């Protein structure tokens, strides 16, 4: 059985995907609220996790 995680990344206005780390394990996760209430600076959160 494998576990999959769906990570949502919200970039700040004017940012592009080039600012993302090459290794997905280096993405700093926060909460949904933290990403959407932090004044537009962006962030990432775990949206879903499931087993197959």
N, C-alpha and C. Protein backbone atom coordinates (compact mmCIF):
# COMPACT_ATOMS: atom_id res chain seq x y z
N UNK A 1 0.84 -1.17 0.00
CA UNK A 1 0.00 0.00 0.00
C UNK A 1 0.90 1.24 0.00
N UNK A 2 0.52 2.23 -0.77
CA UNK A 2 1.26 3.48 -0.83
C UNK A 2 0.39 4.61 -0.31
N UNK A 3 1.04 5.60 0.26
CA UNK A 3 0.33 6.79 0.74
C UNK A 3 0.69 7.96 -0.17
N UNK A 4 -0.31 8.65 -0.64
CA UNK A 4 -0.12 9.83 -1.48
C UNK A 4 -0.55 11.06 -0.71
N UNK A 5 0.18 12.14 -0.90
CA UNK A 5 -0.18 13.42 -0.29
C UNK A 5 -0.41 14.44 -1.39
N UNK A 6 -1.48 15.20 -1.27
CA UNK A 6 -1.76 16.28 -2.22
C UNK A 6 -1.41 17.58 -1.50
N UNK A 7 -0.41 18.26 -2.01
CA UNK A 7 0.06 19.51 -1.43
C UNK A 7 -0.40 20.65 -2.34
N UNK A 8 -1.03 21.65 -1.75
CA UNK A 8 -1.43 22.84 -2.50
C UNK A 8 -0.43 23.94 -2.17
N UNK A 9 0.10 24.55 -3.22
CA UNK A 9 1.05 25.65 -3.06
C UNK A 9 0.44 26.90 -3.65
N UNK A 10 0.32 27.93 -2.83
CA UNK A 10 -0.19 29.22 -3.28
C UNK A 10 1.00 30.17 -3.35
N UNK A 11 1.31 30.60 -4.57
CA UNK A 11 2.42 31.52 -4.75
C UNK A 11 1.97 32.94 -4.46
N UNK A 12 2.88 33.74 -3.94
CA UNK A 12 2.58 35.15 -3.72
C UNK A 12 2.47 35.84 -5.08
N UNK A 13 1.76 36.93 -5.11
CA UNK A 13 1.58 37.68 -6.35
C UNK A 13 2.95 38.05 -6.92
N UNK A 14 3.13 37.76 -8.20
CA UNK A 14 4.38 38.08 -8.87
C UNK A 14 5.41 36.97 -8.83
N UNK A 15 5.20 35.93 -8.02
CA UNK A 15 6.14 34.82 -7.95
C UNK A 15 5.85 33.82 -9.06
N UNK A 16 6.87 33.07 -9.44
CA UNK A 16 6.69 32.00 -10.42
C UNK A 16 7.17 30.69 -9.80
N UNK A 17 6.95 29.61 -10.50
CA UNK A 17 7.33 28.30 -9.96
C UNK A 17 8.84 28.16 -9.78
N UNK A 18 9.60 29.06 -10.34
CA UNK A 18 11.06 28.99 -10.19
C UNK A 18 11.50 29.19 -8.74
N UNK A 19 10.63 29.74 -7.89
CA UNK A 19 10.98 29.95 -6.48
C UNK A 19 10.78 28.68 -5.65
N UNK A 20 10.17 27.66 -6.22
CA UNK A 20 9.91 26.42 -5.48
C UNK A 20 11.18 25.59 -5.37
N UNK A 21 11.35 24.87 -4.26
CA UNK A 21 12.53 24.01 -4.12
C UNK A 21 12.47 22.86 -5.12
N UNK A 22 13.64 22.43 -5.57
CA UNK A 22 13.69 21.31 -6.52
C UNK A 22 13.19 20.02 -5.88
N UNK A 23 13.47 19.84 -4.61
CA UNK A 23 13.05 18.64 -3.89
C UNK A 23 11.74 18.93 -3.16
N UNK A 24 10.65 18.25 -3.51
CA UNK A 24 9.36 18.50 -2.87
C UNK A 24 9.37 18.29 -1.36
N UNK A 25 10.30 17.49 -0.86
CA UNK A 25 10.39 17.27 0.59
C UNK A 25 10.84 18.53 1.33
N UNK A 26 11.37 19.50 0.60
CA UNK A 26 11.84 20.74 1.23
C UNK A 26 10.80 21.85 1.24
N UNK A 27 9.58 21.55 0.85
CA UNK A 27 8.49 22.54 0.91
C UNK A 27 8.02 22.63 2.36
N UNK A 28 8.02 23.83 2.90
CA UNK A 28 7.56 24.05 4.27
C UNK A 28 6.04 24.10 4.29
N UNK A 29 5.43 23.19 5.05
CA UNK A 29 3.97 23.12 5.11
C UNK A 29 3.44 23.93 6.29
N UNK A 30 2.28 24.50 6.09
CA UNK A 30 1.56 25.21 7.14
C UNK A 30 0.09 24.79 7.03
N UNK A 31 -0.79 25.48 7.66
CA UNK A 31 -2.21 25.16 7.58
C UNK A 31 -2.88 25.90 6.43
N UNK A 32 -4.07 25.44 6.06
CA UNK A 32 -4.87 26.14 5.05
C UNK A 32 -5.08 27.59 5.47
N UNK A 33 -5.47 27.77 6.73
CA UNK A 33 -5.72 29.12 7.24
C UNK A 33 -4.47 29.98 7.15
N UNK A 34 -3.34 29.41 7.52
CA UNK A 34 -2.09 30.16 7.47
C UNK A 34 -1.72 30.62 6.08
N UNK A 35 -2.00 29.79 5.09
CA UNK A 35 -1.68 30.14 3.70
C UNK A 35 -2.62 31.23 3.19
N UNK A 36 -3.89 31.13 3.51
CA UNK A 36 -4.87 32.05 2.95
C UNK A 36 -5.10 33.31 3.78
N UNK A 37 -4.53 33.37 4.98
CA UNK A 37 -4.71 34.55 5.82
C UNK A 37 -3.40 35.28 6.10
N UNK A 38 -2.37 34.98 5.35
CA UNK A 38 -1.07 35.57 5.70
C UNK A 38 -0.71 36.79 4.85
N UNK A 39 -1.68 37.48 4.34
CA UNK A 39 -1.41 38.72 3.63
C UNK A 39 -0.85 38.56 2.23
N UNK A 40 -1.09 37.43 1.61
CA UNK A 40 -0.68 37.26 0.22
C UNK A 40 0.76 36.84 0.01
N UNK A 41 1.42 36.35 1.07
CA UNK A 41 2.81 35.93 0.89
C UNK A 41 2.94 34.49 0.42
N UNK A 42 1.82 33.80 0.28
CA UNK A 42 1.84 32.43 -0.23
C UNK A 42 2.19 31.42 0.84
N UNK A 43 2.31 30.17 0.42
CA UNK A 43 2.63 29.08 1.32
C UNK A 43 2.11 27.77 0.78
N UNK A 44 2.27 26.72 1.56
CA UNK A 44 1.86 25.38 1.13
C UNK A 44 1.19 24.66 2.29
N UNK A 45 0.21 23.81 1.96
CA UNK A 45 -0.47 23.03 2.98
C UNK A 45 -0.89 21.68 2.42
N UNK A 46 -1.08 20.73 3.32
CA UNK A 46 -1.52 19.39 2.95
C UNK A 46 -3.03 19.43 2.74
N UNK A 47 -3.47 19.22 1.52
CA UNK A 47 -4.90 19.28 1.20
C UNK A 47 -5.58 17.94 1.37
N UNK A 48 -4.84 16.85 1.13
CA UNK A 48 -5.45 15.52 1.15
C UNK A 48 -4.34 14.49 1.32
N UNK A 49 -4.66 13.39 1.95
CA UNK A 49 -3.76 12.24 2.03
C UNK A 49 -4.62 10.99 1.88
N UNK A 50 -4.13 10.04 1.10
CA UNK A 50 -4.90 8.81 0.89
C UNK A 50 -3.97 7.65 0.58
N UNK A 51 -4.44 6.46 0.89
CA UNK A 51 -3.72 5.22 0.60
C UNK A 51 -4.28 4.58 -0.65
N UNK A 52 -3.43 3.83 -1.33
CA UNK A 52 -3.90 3.07 -2.50
C UNK A 52 -3.68 1.60 -2.27
